[in-house]
């Protein structure tokens, strides 16, 4: 059993791909990617490493899908910064030029199931693997100048930043509202307990239930 584990570890270490700015383009070209951005000291990263390594080994020969790692503390840090990685592990997928956040489960079967759904990205040069909608979009944009294309990318990124800012502001307002409501609730509960003398009421009730023969002054009248 131990020998099998050792052999698997050695095989994985020899085939696992760790992406850096130097090999990103060559390794991801023409492929859909499923990438784990990690930090060596991260406990959650260490916990999922065996399952992720097994997945990388399973797809090592795939011509259309790349499963890989990016070390955000080591040589891969520029890629992590470029993709807005803020926590570990962060998993992203899709077209190498437009990665999306992976929001699925992180158990082995969840990862394997998701990886099986990945398909090659649309090639804007050959139109290979492109849907009809993508082909239509390419046709409408292929004559647009590089300057305008850069402008559209900039506009998109500004839109993303605006959405993120609005979200944070709304969350801040909700937090403030929650704290205000929570304080009001605590004050109301405290006032109710005081005005009702609930502690004394419950104590008297408890005494009477312990001694059914006892009666209240009203009952004696």
N, C-alpha and C. Protein backbone atom coordinates (compact mmCIF):
# COMPACT_ATOMS: atom_id res chain seq x y z
N UNK A 1 0.84 -1.20 0.00
CA UNK A 1 0.00 0.00 0.00
C UNK A 1 0.87 1.26 0.00
N UNK A 2 1.90 1.24 0.87
CA UNK A 2 2.80 2.39 0.96
C UNK A 2 3.52 2.60 -0.35
N UNK A 3 3.94 1.50 -1.00
CA UNK A 3 4.67 1.61 -2.26
C UNK A 3 3.80 2.24 -3.33
N UNK A 4 2.46 1.92 -3.32
CA UNK A 4 1.55 2.50 -4.31
C UNK A 4 1.43 4.00 -4.10
N UNK A 5 1.36 4.41 -2.84
CA UNK A 5 1.25 5.83 -2.52
C UNK A 5 2.50 6.57 -2.98
N UNK A 6 3.65 5.96 -2.73
CA UNK A 6 4.92 6.58 -3.14
C UNK A 6 4.98 6.71 -4.65
N UNK A 7 4.60 5.64 -5.37
CA UNK A 7 4.63 5.67 -6.83
C UNK A 7 3.69 6.72 -7.39
N UNK A 8 2.48 6.82 -6.79
CA UNK A 8 1.52 7.83 -7.24
C UNK A 8 2.05 9.23 -7.01
N UNK A 9 2.67 9.45 -5.84
CA UNK A 9 3.23 10.76 -5.52
C UNK A 9 4.32 11.14 -6.49
N UNK A 10 5.19 10.18 -6.81
CA UNK A 10 6.29 10.45 -7.75
C UNK A 10 5.75 10.72 -9.15
N UNK A 11 4.73 9.95 -9.55
CA UNK A 11 4.15 10.13 -10.88
C UNK A 11 3.50 11.49 -10.99
N UNK A 12 2.77 11.88 -9.95
CA UNK A 12 2.09 13.18 -9.95
C UNK A 12 3.09 14.31 -9.97
N UNK A 13 4.14 14.19 -9.17
CA UNK A 13 5.16 15.25 -9.10
C UNK A 13 5.83 15.44 -10.45
N UNK A 14 5.97 14.35 -11.21
CA UNK A 14 6.68 14.44 -12.48
C UNK A 14 5.80 14.98 -13.60
N UNK A 15 4.45 14.88 -13.45
CA UNK A 15 3.57 15.31 -14.53
C UNK A 15 2.78 16.57 -14.21
N UNK A 16 2.71 16.93 -12.93
CA UNK A 16 1.94 18.11 -12.54
C UNK A 16 2.51 19.36 -13.19
N UNK A 17 1.62 20.23 -13.64
CA UNK A 17 2.05 21.47 -14.28
C UNK A 17 1.81 22.64 -13.34
N UNK A 18 2.86 23.38 -13.07
CA UNK A 18 2.76 24.59 -12.27
C UNK A 18 2.97 25.77 -13.21
N UNK A 19 1.95 26.58 -13.34
CA UNK A 19 1.98 27.68 -14.30
C UNK A 19 2.66 28.91 -13.73
N UNK A 20 3.42 29.58 -14.59
CA UNK A 20 4.09 30.84 -14.26
C UNK A 20 3.91 31.76 -15.46
N UNK A 21 4.26 33.03 -15.34
CA UNK A 21 4.17 33.92 -16.51
C UNK A 21 5.00 33.42 -17.69
N UNK A 22 6.05 32.67 -17.41
CA UNK A 22 6.94 32.20 -18.49
C UNK A 22 6.30 31.10 -19.34
N UNK A 23 5.48 30.24 -18.72
CA UNK A 23 4.93 29.12 -19.50
C UNK A 23 3.41 29.20 -19.68
N UNK A 24 2.79 30.25 -19.18
CA UNK A 24 1.34 30.37 -19.26
C UNK A 24 0.82 30.24 -20.69
N UNK A 25 1.35 31.05 -21.60
CA UNK A 25 0.86 31.05 -22.98
C UNK A 25 1.06 29.71 -23.66
N UNK A 26 2.24 29.12 -23.51
CA UNK A 26 2.53 27.86 -24.20
C UNK A 26 1.72 26.70 -23.64
N UNK A 27 1.50 26.67 -22.35
CA UNK A 27 0.78 25.55 -21.74
C UNK A 27 -0.74 25.66 -21.91
N UNK A 28 -1.25 26.88 -21.95
CA UNK A 28 -2.71 27.05 -22.00
C UNK A 28 -3.26 27.23 -23.42
N UNK A 29 -2.40 27.43 -24.39
CA UNK A 29 -2.83 27.71 -25.75
C UNK A 29 -3.80 26.65 -26.29
N UNK A 30 -4.97 27.11 -26.72
CA UNK A 30 -5.95 26.23 -27.33
C UNK A 30 -6.69 25.33 -26.36
N UNK A 31 -6.57 25.60 -25.07
CA UNK A 31 -7.20 24.73 -24.08
C UNK A 31 -8.12 25.50 -23.13
N UNK A 32 -9.10 24.78 -22.62
CA UNK A 32 -9.86 25.28 -21.48
C UNK A 32 -9.05 24.89 -20.24
N UNK A 33 -9.00 25.78 -19.27
CA UNK A 33 -8.16 25.51 -18.11
C UNK A 33 -8.99 25.42 -16.83
N UNK A 34 -8.46 24.66 -15.91
CA UNK A 34 -9.04 24.51 -14.57
C UNK A 34 -7.83 24.67 -13.65
N UNK A 35 -7.74 25.83 -13.00
CA UNK A 35 -6.51 26.19 -12.31
C UNK A 35 -6.74 26.45 -10.82
N UNK A 36 -5.85 25.89 -10.01
CA UNK A 36 -5.90 26.13 -8.57
C UNK A 36 -4.77 27.09 -8.20
N UNK A 37 -5.15 28.25 -7.69
CA UNK A 37 -4.18 29.23 -7.20
C UNK A 37 -4.00 28.96 -5.70
N UNK A 38 -2.77 28.68 -5.27
CA UNK A 38 -2.58 28.25 -3.89
C UNK A 38 -1.37 28.92 -3.24
N UNK A 39 -1.29 28.74 -1.92
CA UNK A 39 -0.11 29.15 -1.15
C UNK A 39 0.38 27.91 -0.42
N UNK A 40 1.68 27.64 -0.41
CA UNK A 40 2.22 26.42 0.20
C UNK A 40 1.84 26.23 1.66
N UNK A 41 1.64 27.33 2.39
CA UNK A 41 1.33 27.24 3.81
C UNK A 41 -0.16 27.07 4.10
N UNK A 42 -0.99 27.17 3.08
CA UNK A 42 -2.45 27.15 3.26
C UNK A 42 -2.94 25.75 3.62
N UNK A 43 -3.64 25.65 4.77
CA UNK A 43 -4.15 24.37 5.23
C UNK A 43 -5.17 23.75 4.29
N UNK A 44 -6.11 24.57 3.78
CA UNK A 44 -7.12 24.06 2.86
C UNK A 44 -6.47 23.59 1.55
N UNK A 45 -5.41 24.28 1.14
CA UNK A 45 -4.70 23.88 -0.08
C UNK A 45 -4.06 22.51 0.10
N UNK A 46 -3.46 22.30 1.26
CA UNK A 46 -2.81 21.02 1.56
C UNK A 46 -3.85 19.91 1.61
N UNK A 47 -5.03 20.22 2.15
CA UNK A 47 -6.07 19.21 2.29
C UNK A 47 -6.59 18.73 0.93
N UNK A 48 -6.70 19.65 -0.04
CA UNK A 48 -7.25 19.25 -1.34
C UNK A 48 -6.17 18.84 -2.33
N UNK A 49 -4.91 18.95 -1.96
CA UNK A 49 -3.81 18.64 -2.87
C UNK A 49 -3.88 17.22 -3.44
N UNK A 50 -4.12 16.16 -2.63
CA UNK A 50 -4.14 14.82 -3.21
C UNK A 50 -5.20 14.67 -4.31
N UNK A 51 -6.39 15.19 -4.08
CA UNK A 51 -7.46 15.07 -5.08
C UNK A 51 -7.12 15.89 -6.33
N UNK A 52 -6.56 17.09 -6.11
CA UNK A 52 -6.21 17.93 -7.26
C UNK A 52 -5.07 17.31 -8.05
N UNK A 53 -4.08 16.76 -7.36
CA UNK A 53 -2.96 16.12 -8.04
C UNK A 53 -3.45 14.94 -8.88
N UNK A 54 -4.40 14.19 -8.34
CA UNK A 54 -4.96 13.05 -9.08
C UNK A 54 -5.68 13.54 -10.34
N UNK A 55 -6.38 14.67 -10.22
CA UNK A 55 -7.10 15.23 -11.37
C UNK A 55 -6.10 15.70 -12.43
N UNK A 56 -5.01 16.33 -12.01
CA UNK A 56 -3.98 16.77 -12.96
C UNK A 56 -3.40 15.58 -13.71
N UNK A 57 -3.18 14.49 -12.98
CA UNK A 57 -2.62 13.30 -13.59
C UNK A 57 -3.58 12.70 -14.61
N UNK A 58 -4.87 12.74 -14.29
CA UNK A 58 -5.89 12.19 -15.19
C UNK A 58 -5.96 12.94 -16.51
N UNK A 59 -5.70 14.26 -16.48
CA UNK A 59 -5.82 15.08 -17.68
C UNK A 59 -4.47 15.46 -18.30
N UNK A 60 -3.41 14.81 -17.87
CA UNK A 60 -2.08 15.20 -18.35
C UNK A 60 -1.91 15.07 -19.86
N UNK A 61 -2.66 14.15 -20.48
CA UNK A 61 -2.52 13.94 -21.92
C UNK A 61 -3.61 14.61 -22.74
N UNK A 62 -4.48 15.33 -22.08
CA UNK A 62 -5.59 15.97 -22.79
C UNK A 62 -5.09 17.09 -23.70
N UNK A 63 -5.65 17.12 -24.89
CA UNK A 63 -5.27 18.17 -25.85
C UNK A 63 -6.22 19.37 -25.78
N UNK A 64 -7.28 19.23 -24.99
CA UNK A 64 -8.26 20.32 -24.95
C UNK A 64 -8.47 20.90 -23.55
N UNK A 65 -8.03 20.19 -22.51
CA UNK A 65 -8.24 20.64 -21.13
C UNK A 65 -6.93 20.59 -20.36
N UNK A 66 -6.66 21.66 -19.63
CA UNK A 66 -5.46 21.72 -18.79
C UNK A 66 -5.87 21.89 -17.33
N UNK A 67 -5.42 20.98 -16.48
CA UNK A 67 -5.60 21.11 -15.04
C UNK A 67 -4.23 21.46 -14.47
N UNK A 68 -4.14 22.56 -13.74
CA UNK A 68 -2.81 23.00 -13.32
C UNK A 68 -2.86 23.76 -12.00
N UNK A 69 -1.67 24.05 -11.49
CA UNK A 69 -1.47 24.80 -10.25
C UNK A 69 -0.80 26.13 -10.54
N UNK A 70 -1.03 27.11 -9.67
CA UNK A 70 -0.27 28.36 -9.68
C UNK A 70 0.13 28.66 -8.24
N UNK A 71 1.42 28.76 -7.99
CA UNK A 71 1.94 29.07 -6.65
C UNK A 71 1.97 30.58 -6.48
N UNK A 72 1.05 31.09 -5.67
CA UNK A 72 0.93 32.54 -5.51
C UNK A 72 2.02 33.14 -4.63
N UNK A 73 2.78 32.32 -3.97
CA UNK A 73 3.88 32.81 -3.15
C UNK A 73 5.18 32.73 -3.93
N UNK A 74 5.24 31.80 -4.88
CA UNK A 74 6.44 31.59 -5.67
C UNK A 74 6.40 32.30 -7.01
N UNK A 75 6.84 31.60 -8.06
CA UNK A 75 6.97 32.20 -9.39
C UNK A 75 5.64 32.58 -10.03
N UNK A 76 4.54 32.03 -9.50
CA UNK A 76 3.25 32.32 -10.11
C UNK A 76 2.57 33.56 -9.57
N UNK A 77 3.21 34.27 -8.65
CA UNK A 77 2.57 35.43 -8.01
C UNK A 77 2.01 36.45 -9.01
N UNK A 78 2.74 36.80 -10.08
CA UNK A 78 2.17 37.77 -11.03
C UNK A 78 0.84 37.30 -11.63
N UNK A 79 0.69 35.99 -11.84
CA UNK A 79 -0.56 35.47 -12.38
C UNK A 79 -1.69 35.61 -11.37
N UNK A 80 -1.36 35.43 -10.10
CA UNK A 80 -2.36 35.56 -9.04
C UNK A 80 -2.81 37.01 -8.93
N UNK A 81 -1.86 37.93 -9.01
CA UNK A 81 -2.20 39.36 -8.96
C UNK A 81 -3.06 39.74 -10.16
N UNK A 82 -2.68 39.25 -11.32
CA UNK A 82 -3.38 39.57 -12.56
C UNK A 82 -4.83 39.07 -12.53
N UNK A 83 -5.06 37.96 -11.84
CA UNK A 83 -6.40 37.36 -11.80
C UNK A 83 -7.17 37.70 -10.53
N UNK A 84 -6.66 38.65 -9.77
CA UNK A 84 -7.38 39.13 -8.60
C UNK A 84 -7.55 38.11 -7.49
N UNK A 85 -6.58 37.22 -7.34
CA UNK A 85 -6.66 36.20 -6.29
C UNK A 85 -6.40 36.85 -4.93
N UNK A 86 -7.33 36.65 -4.00
CA UNK A 86 -7.20 37.27 -2.68
C UNK A 86 -7.19 36.24 -1.55
N UNK A 87 -7.61 35.03 -1.82
CA UNK A 87 -7.64 33.97 -0.80
C UNK A 87 -7.19 32.66 -1.40
N UNK A 88 -6.90 31.71 -0.52
CA UNK A 88 -6.38 30.42 -0.98
C UNK A 88 -7.17 29.26 -0.37
N UNK A 89 -7.40 28.19 -1.17
CA UNK A 89 -7.13 28.18 -2.60
C UNK A 89 -8.25 28.89 -3.36
N UNK A 90 -7.88 29.51 -4.47
CA UNK A 90 -8.85 30.08 -5.40
C UNK A 90 -8.80 29.23 -6.66
N UNK A 91 -9.96 28.81 -7.14
CA UNK A 91 -10.01 27.97 -8.34
C UNK A 91 -10.73 28.74 -9.44
N UNK A 92 -10.12 28.77 -10.61
CA UNK A 92 -10.73 29.44 -11.76
C UNK A 92 -10.72 28.51 -12.95
N UNK A 93 -11.56 28.83 -13.92
CA UNK A 93 -11.69 27.93 -15.07
C UNK A 93 -12.06 28.73 -16.32
N UNK A 94 -11.94 28.04 -17.47
CA UNK A 94 -12.42 28.61 -18.72
C UNK A 94 -11.35 29.00 -19.70
N UNK A 95 -11.65 30.01 -20.51
CA UNK A 95 -10.70 30.53 -21.49
C UNK A 95 -9.54 31.18 -20.75
N UNK A 96 -8.30 30.83 -21.09
CA UNK A 96 -7.14 31.40 -20.39
C UNK A 96 -7.12 32.93 -20.36
N UNK A 97 -7.75 33.55 -21.34
CA UNK A 97 -7.76 35.02 -21.38
C UNK A 97 -8.95 35.62 -20.64
N UNK A 98 -9.84 34.77 -20.14
CA UNK A 98 -11.04 35.28 -19.46
C UNK A 98 -11.49 34.26 -18.41
N UNK A 99 -10.68 34.05 -17.40
CA UNK A 99 -10.99 33.04 -16.39
C UNK A 99 -12.19 33.43 -15.55
N UNK A 100 -12.97 32.42 -15.17
CA UNK A 100 -14.15 32.61 -14.33
C UNK A 100 -13.93 31.94 -12.98
N UNK A 101 -14.59 32.44 -11.96
CA UNK A 101 -14.49 31.84 -10.63
C UNK A 101 -15.24 30.51 -10.60
N UNK A 102 -14.59 29.50 -10.06
CA UNK A 102 -15.24 28.20 -9.86
C UNK A 102 -16.01 28.25 -8.55
N UNK A 103 -17.29 27.93 -8.60
CA UNK A 103 -18.13 28.04 -7.40
C UNK A 103 -18.73 26.70 -6.99
N UNK A 104 -18.21 25.62 -7.56
CA UNK A 104 -18.73 24.30 -7.24
C UNK A 104 -18.10 23.70 -6.00
N UNK A 105 -18.44 22.46 -5.73
CA UNK A 105 -17.89 21.76 -4.58
C UNK A 105 -16.43 21.42 -4.79
N UNK A 106 -15.75 21.12 -3.68
CA UNK A 106 -14.32 20.84 -3.76
C UNK A 106 -13.96 19.41 -3.39
N UNK A 107 -14.97 18.56 -3.25
CA UNK A 107 -14.71 17.15 -3.04
C UNK A 107 -14.22 16.56 -4.36
N UNK A 108 -13.53 15.44 -4.28
CA UNK A 108 -12.94 14.83 -5.47
C UNK A 108 -13.95 14.65 -6.59
N UNK A 109 -15.12 14.09 -6.29
CA UNK A 109 -16.11 13.82 -7.33
C UNK A 109 -16.66 15.11 -7.94
N UNK A 110 -16.79 16.15 -7.12
CA UNK A 110 -17.27 17.44 -7.63
C UNK A 110 -16.28 17.99 -8.66
N UNK A 111 -15.00 17.94 -8.32
CA UNK A 111 -13.96 18.46 -9.21
C UNK A 111 -13.90 17.65 -10.51
N UNK A 112 -13.99 16.32 -10.38
CA UNK A 112 -13.92 15.46 -11.56
C UNK A 112 -15.11 15.69 -12.48
N UNK A 113 -16.30 15.83 -11.87
CA UNK A 113 -17.50 16.04 -12.67
C UNK A 113 -17.42 17.36 -13.43
N UNK A 114 -16.96 18.41 -12.75
CA UNK A 114 -16.86 19.71 -13.42
C UNK A 114 -15.82 19.67 -14.53
N UNK A 115 -14.68 19.05 -14.27
CA UNK A 115 -13.62 18.97 -15.29
C UNK A 115 -14.12 18.26 -16.54
N UNK A 116 -15.00 17.28 -16.36
CA UNK A 116 -15.51 16.52 -17.51
C UNK A 116 -16.41 17.35 -18.41
N UNK A 117 -16.88 18.51 -17.92
CA UNK A 117 -17.77 19.36 -18.72
C UNK A 117 -16.99 20.40 -19.53
N UNK A 118 -15.71 20.53 -19.27
CA UNK A 118 -14.92 21.56 -19.95
C UNK A 118 -14.73 21.23 -21.43
N UNK A 119 -14.85 22.23 -22.25
CA UNK A 119 -14.65 22.06 -23.69
C UNK A 119 -13.64 23.09 -24.18
N UNK A 120 -12.99 22.84 -25.31
CA UNK A 120 -11.99 23.78 -25.82
C UNK A 120 -12.60 25.16 -26.05
N UNK A 121 -11.84 26.22 -25.81
CA UNK A 121 -12.35 27.57 -26.03
C UNK A 121 -12.48 27.90 -27.51
N UNK A 122 -13.28 28.89 -27.80
CA UNK A 122 -13.46 29.35 -29.17
C UNK A 122 -12.17 29.96 -29.69
N UNK A 123 -11.72 29.51 -30.87
CA UNK A 123 -10.52 30.06 -31.49
C UNK A 123 -10.95 31.18 -32.45
N UNK A 124 -10.64 32.42 -32.12
CA UNK A 124 -11.12 33.55 -32.92
C UNK A 124 -10.45 33.61 -34.29
N UNK A 125 -9.34 32.90 -34.46
CA UNK A 125 -8.65 32.92 -35.76
C UNK A 125 -9.24 31.90 -36.72
N UNK A 126 -9.49 30.69 -36.22
CA UNK A 126 -9.99 29.62 -37.10
C UNK A 126 -11.49 29.36 -36.93
N UNK A 127 -12.08 29.95 -35.90
CA UNK A 127 -13.49 29.74 -35.54
C UNK A 127 -13.77 28.32 -35.06
N UNK A 128 -12.70 27.57 -34.81
CA UNK A 128 -12.87 26.21 -34.31
C UNK A 128 -13.44 26.27 -32.89
N UNK A 129 -14.38 25.38 -32.61
CA UNK A 129 -15.04 25.27 -31.30
C UNK A 129 -15.89 26.49 -30.95
N UNK A 130 -16.23 27.30 -31.93
CA UNK A 130 -17.04 28.50 -31.68
C UNK A 130 -18.52 28.22 -31.97
N UNK A 131 -19.38 28.75 -31.11
CA UNK A 131 -20.81 28.60 -31.32
C UNK A 131 -21.27 29.61 -32.37
N UNK A 132 -22.50 29.50 -32.82
CA UNK A 132 -23.03 30.44 -33.81
C UNK A 132 -23.03 31.86 -33.25
N UNK A 133 -23.38 31.98 -31.98
CA UNK A 133 -23.39 33.31 -31.35
C UNK A 133 -21.99 33.91 -31.32
N UNK A 134 -21.00 33.07 -31.02
CA UNK A 134 -19.62 33.55 -30.97
C UNK A 134 -19.12 33.95 -32.36
N UNK A 135 -19.49 33.16 -33.36
CA UNK A 135 -19.09 33.48 -34.73
C UNK A 135 -19.69 34.83 -35.15
N UNK A 136 -20.95 35.04 -34.79
CA UNK A 136 -21.61 36.31 -35.11
C UNK A 136 -20.90 37.47 -34.43
N UNK A 137 -20.52 37.28 -33.18
CA UNK A 137 -19.82 38.33 -32.44
C UNK A 137 -18.46 38.62 -33.05
N UNK A 138 -17.76 37.55 -33.45
CA UNK A 138 -16.44 37.72 -34.07
C UNK A 138 -16.56 38.50 -35.37
N UNK A 139 -17.57 38.14 -36.19
CA UNK A 139 -17.77 38.82 -37.47
C UNK A 139 -18.03 40.32 -37.27
N UNK A 140 -18.76 40.64 -36.19
CA UNK A 140 -19.11 42.05 -35.96
C UNK A 140 -17.95 42.84 -35.36
N UNK A 141 -16.96 42.14 -34.83
CA UNK A 141 -15.86 42.83 -34.14
C UNK A 141 -14.51 42.74 -34.85
N UNK A 142 -14.40 41.88 -35.85
CA UNK A 142 -13.08 41.65 -36.45
C UNK A 142 -12.51 42.85 -37.19
N UNK A 143 -13.37 43.79 -37.59
CA UNK A 143 -12.87 44.99 -38.27
C UNK A 143 -12.65 46.15 -37.31
N UNK A 144 -12.94 45.93 -36.03
CA UNK A 144 -12.75 46.98 -35.04
C UNK A 144 -11.26 47.16 -34.76
N UNK A 145 -10.82 48.40 -34.64
CA UNK A 145 -9.40 48.68 -34.44
C UNK A 145 -8.91 48.21 -33.08
N UNK A 146 -7.59 48.01 -32.98
CA UNK A 146 -6.99 47.60 -31.71
C UNK A 146 -7.26 48.64 -30.63
N UNK A 147 -7.22 49.90 -31.01
CA UNK A 147 -7.46 50.99 -30.07
C UNK A 147 -8.86 50.88 -29.46
N UNK A 148 -9.86 50.61 -30.34
CA UNK A 148 -11.23 50.51 -29.84
C UNK A 148 -11.41 49.24 -29.01
N UNK A 149 -10.76 48.16 -29.42
CA UNK A 149 -10.86 46.92 -28.65
C UNK A 149 -10.30 47.11 -27.24
N UNK A 150 -9.18 47.81 -27.16
CA UNK A 150 -8.59 48.11 -25.85
C UNK A 150 -9.54 48.97 -25.03
N UNK A 151 -10.22 49.89 -25.71
CA UNK A 151 -11.18 50.74 -25.02
C UNK A 151 -12.34 49.93 -24.45
N UNK A 152 -12.77 48.92 -25.22
CA UNK A 152 -13.88 48.09 -24.74
C UNK A 152 -13.44 47.24 -23.54
N UNK A 153 -12.20 46.75 -23.59
CA UNK A 153 -11.68 45.99 -22.46
C UNK A 153 -11.62 46.87 -21.22
N UNK A 154 -11.13 48.11 -21.42
CA UNK A 154 -11.04 49.06 -20.31
C UNK A 154 -12.42 49.38 -19.75
N UNK A 155 -13.38 49.56 -20.64
CA UNK A 155 -14.75 49.86 -20.21
C UNK A 155 -15.33 48.69 -19.42
N UNK A 156 -15.04 47.47 -19.89
CA UNK A 156 -15.51 46.27 -19.19
C UNK A 156 -14.91 46.20 -17.78
N UNK A 157 -13.61 46.44 -17.69
CA UNK A 157 -12.93 46.38 -16.39
C UNK A 157 -13.45 47.46 -15.44
N UNK A 158 -13.74 48.64 -15.99
CA UNK A 158 -14.32 49.70 -15.17
C UNK A 158 -15.71 49.30 -14.67
N UNK A 159 -16.46 48.60 -15.54
CA UNK A 159 -17.77 48.12 -15.15
C UNK A 159 -17.67 47.11 -14.01
N UNK A 160 -16.70 46.20 -14.11
CA UNK A 160 -16.49 45.22 -13.05
C UNK A 160 -16.16 45.91 -11.73
N UNK A 161 -15.26 46.91 -11.82
CA UNK A 161 -14.85 47.63 -10.60
C UNK A 161 -16.03 48.37 -10.00
N UNK A 162 -16.88 48.94 -10.86
CA UNK A 162 -18.06 49.67 -10.39
C UNK A 162 -19.03 48.75 -9.68
N UNK A 163 -19.25 47.56 -10.27
CA UNK A 163 -20.14 46.58 -9.66
C UNK A 163 -19.60 46.14 -8.30
N UNK A 164 -18.30 45.90 -8.24
CA UNK A 164 -17.67 45.47 -6.99
C UNK A 164 -17.78 46.55 -5.92
N UNK A 165 -17.56 47.81 -6.33
CA UNK A 165 -17.65 48.92 -5.39
C UNK A 165 -19.08 49.06 -4.85
N UNK A 166 -20.05 48.97 -5.76
CA UNK A 166 -21.46 49.08 -5.36
C UNK A 166 -21.83 47.96 -4.40
N UNK A 167 -21.33 46.77 -4.69
CA UNK A 167 -21.61 45.62 -3.82
C UNK A 167 -21.06 45.85 -2.42
N UNK A 168 -19.81 46.32 -2.34
CA UNK A 168 -19.20 46.55 -1.04
C UNK A 168 -19.94 47.64 -0.27
N UNK A 169 -20.37 48.68 -0.99
CA UNK A 169 -21.13 49.76 -0.33
C UNK A 169 -22.46 49.24 0.21
N UNK A 170 -23.14 48.42 -0.61
CA UNK A 170 -24.43 47.87 -0.18
C UNK A 170 -24.25 46.94 1.02
N UNK A 171 -23.18 46.14 0.99
CA UNK A 171 -22.90 45.25 2.11
C UNK A 171 -22.63 46.08 3.36
N UNK A 172 -21.88 47.19 3.20
CA UNK A 172 -21.59 48.06 4.33
C UNK A 172 -22.87 48.64 4.92
N UNK A 173 -23.78 49.06 4.04
CA UNK A 173 -25.05 49.61 4.51
C UNK A 173 -25.89 48.54 5.21
N UNK A 174 -25.87 47.33 4.66
CA UNK A 174 -26.60 46.24 5.29
C UNK A 174 -26.02 45.92 6.66
N UNK A 175 -24.68 45.95 6.75
CA UNK A 175 -24.03 45.67 8.02
C UNK A 175 -24.42 46.72 9.07
N UNK A 176 -24.39 47.99 8.64
CA UNK A 176 -24.77 49.07 9.56
C UNK A 176 -26.23 48.92 9.98
N UNK A 177 -27.10 48.58 9.00
CA UNK A 177 -28.51 48.40 9.30
C UNK A 177 -28.71 47.22 10.24
N UNK A 178 -27.96 46.14 10.01
CA UNK A 178 -28.06 44.96 10.86
C UNK A 178 -27.66 45.30 12.29
N UNK A 179 -26.56 46.02 12.43
CA UNK A 179 -26.09 46.37 13.77
C UNK A 179 -27.11 47.26 14.49
N UNK A 180 -27.73 48.19 13.72
CA UNK A 180 -28.74 49.06 14.32
C UNK A 180 -29.96 48.26 14.76
N UNK A 181 -30.41 47.36 13.90
CA UNK A 181 -31.56 46.53 14.22
C UNK A 181 -31.25 45.59 15.39
N UNK A 182 -30.03 45.08 15.41
CA UNK A 182 -29.62 44.18 16.48
C UNK A 182 -29.62 44.90 17.82
N UNK A 183 -29.10 46.14 17.82
CA UNK A 183 -29.09 46.94 19.06
C UNK A 183 -30.51 47.24 19.53
N UNK A 184 -31.39 47.58 18.57
CA UNK A 184 -32.78 47.88 18.91
C UNK A 184 -33.47 46.64 19.48
N UNK A 185 -33.16 45.49 18.89
CA UNK A 185 -33.74 44.24 19.37
C UNK A 185 -33.31 43.95 20.80
N UNK A 186 -31.99 44.10 21.07
CA UNK A 186 -31.47 43.83 22.41
C UNK A 186 -32.09 44.78 23.44
N UNK A 187 -32.24 46.06 23.06
CA UNK A 187 -32.85 47.04 23.96
C UNK A 187 -34.31 46.69 24.25
N UNK A 188 -35.05 46.27 23.21
CA UNK A 188 -36.45 45.90 23.37
C UNK A 188 -36.60 44.67 24.26
N UNK A 189 -35.72 43.68 24.05
CA UNK A 189 -35.76 42.47 24.86
C UNK A 189 -35.47 42.78 26.33
N UNK A 190 -34.48 43.68 26.53
CA UNK A 190 -34.12 44.05 27.90
C UNK A 190 -35.28 44.77 28.58
N UNK A 191 -35.91 45.68 27.83
CA UNK A 191 -37.04 46.43 28.41
C UNK A 191 -38.21 45.51 28.73
N UNK A 192 -38.49 44.54 27.84
CA UNK A 192 -39.57 43.59 28.05
C UNK A 192 -39.31 42.75 29.31
N UNK A 193 -38.07 42.31 29.46
CA UNK A 193 -37.73 41.49 30.62
C UNK A 193 -37.90 42.28 31.91
N UNK A 194 -37.49 43.56 31.90
CA UNK A 194 -37.59 44.39 33.09
C UNK A 194 -39.03 44.73 33.43
N UNK A 195 -39.79 45.16 32.43
CA UNK A 195 -41.17 45.60 32.68
C UNK A 195 -42.08 44.45 33.08
N UNK A 196 -41.77 43.26 32.64
CA UNK A 196 -42.63 42.12 32.95
C UNK A 196 -42.21 41.38 34.21
N UNK A 197 -41.05 41.79 34.78
CA UNK A 197 -40.52 41.06 35.94
C UNK A 197 -40.50 39.56 35.68
N UNK A 198 -40.10 39.20 34.46
CA UNK A 198 -40.21 37.82 34.03
C UNK A 198 -39.42 36.86 34.91
N UNK A 199 -38.28 37.34 35.46
CA UNK A 199 -37.49 36.47 36.32
C UNK A 199 -38.26 36.07 37.56
N UNK A 200 -38.90 37.07 38.19
CA UNK A 200 -39.68 36.80 39.39
C UNK A 200 -40.90 35.95 39.06
N UNK A 201 -41.57 36.28 37.95
CA UNK A 201 -42.75 35.54 37.53
C UNK A 201 -42.41 34.05 37.34
N UNK A 202 -41.32 33.78 36.66
CA UNK A 202 -40.94 32.39 36.40
C UNK A 202 -40.54 31.68 37.68
N UNK A 203 -39.87 32.42 38.60
CA UNK A 203 -39.49 31.82 39.88
C UNK A 203 -40.71 31.43 40.69
N UNK A 204 -41.70 32.37 40.78
CA UNK A 204 -42.93 32.07 41.51
C UNK A 204 -43.68 30.90 40.89
N UNK A 205 -43.74 30.89 39.56
CA UNK A 205 -44.42 29.80 38.86
C UNK A 205 -43.75 28.47 39.15
N UNK A 206 -42.42 28.49 39.15
CA UNK A 206 -41.67 27.27 39.42
C UNK A 206 -41.96 26.76 40.82
N UNK A 207 -42.00 27.67 41.80
CA UNK A 207 -42.28 27.28 43.19
C UNK A 207 -43.67 26.66 43.31
N UNK A 208 -44.65 27.29 42.64
CA UNK A 208 -46.01 26.80 42.70
C UNK A 208 -46.15 25.43 42.03
N UNK A 209 -45.39 25.22 40.94
CA UNK A 209 -45.46 23.94 40.27
C UNK A 209 -44.80 22.84 41.10
N UNK A 210 -43.79 23.26 41.91
CA UNK A 210 -43.14 22.29 42.80
C UNK A 210 -44.07 21.90 43.94
N UNK A 211 -44.93 22.85 44.34
CA UNK A 211 -45.85 22.60 45.46
C UNK A 211 -47.28 22.91 45.01
N UNK A 212 -47.92 21.95 44.35
CA UNK A 212 -49.27 22.17 43.81
C UNK A 212 -50.28 22.61 44.84
N UNK A 213 -50.02 22.31 46.13
CA UNK A 213 -50.97 22.65 47.18
C UNK A 213 -50.93 24.13 47.51
N UNK A 214 -49.76 24.77 47.15
CA UNK A 214 -49.64 26.19 47.46
C UNK A 214 -50.59 26.97 46.58
N UNK A 215 -51.08 28.08 47.08
CA UNK A 215 -52.00 28.91 46.29
C UNK A 215 -51.58 30.35 46.36
N UNK A 216 -51.95 31.09 45.38
CA UNK A 216 -51.61 32.51 45.35
C UNK A 216 -52.59 33.26 46.22
N UNK A 217 -52.26 34.50 46.62
CA UNK A 217 -53.22 35.31 47.43
C UNK A 217 -54.57 35.42 46.77
N UNK A 218 -54.61 35.57 45.41
CA UNK A 218 -55.89 35.70 44.74
C UNK A 218 -56.72 34.44 44.88
N UNK A 219 -56.03 33.28 44.81
CA UNK A 219 -56.75 32.03 44.89
C UNK A 219 -57.34 31.80 46.28
N UNK A 220 -56.73 32.43 47.33
CA UNK A 220 -57.20 32.23 48.69
C UNK A 220 -58.46 33.05 48.96
N UNK A 221 -58.66 34.09 48.14
CA UNK A 221 -59.83 34.96 48.38
C UNK A 221 -61.11 34.26 47.94
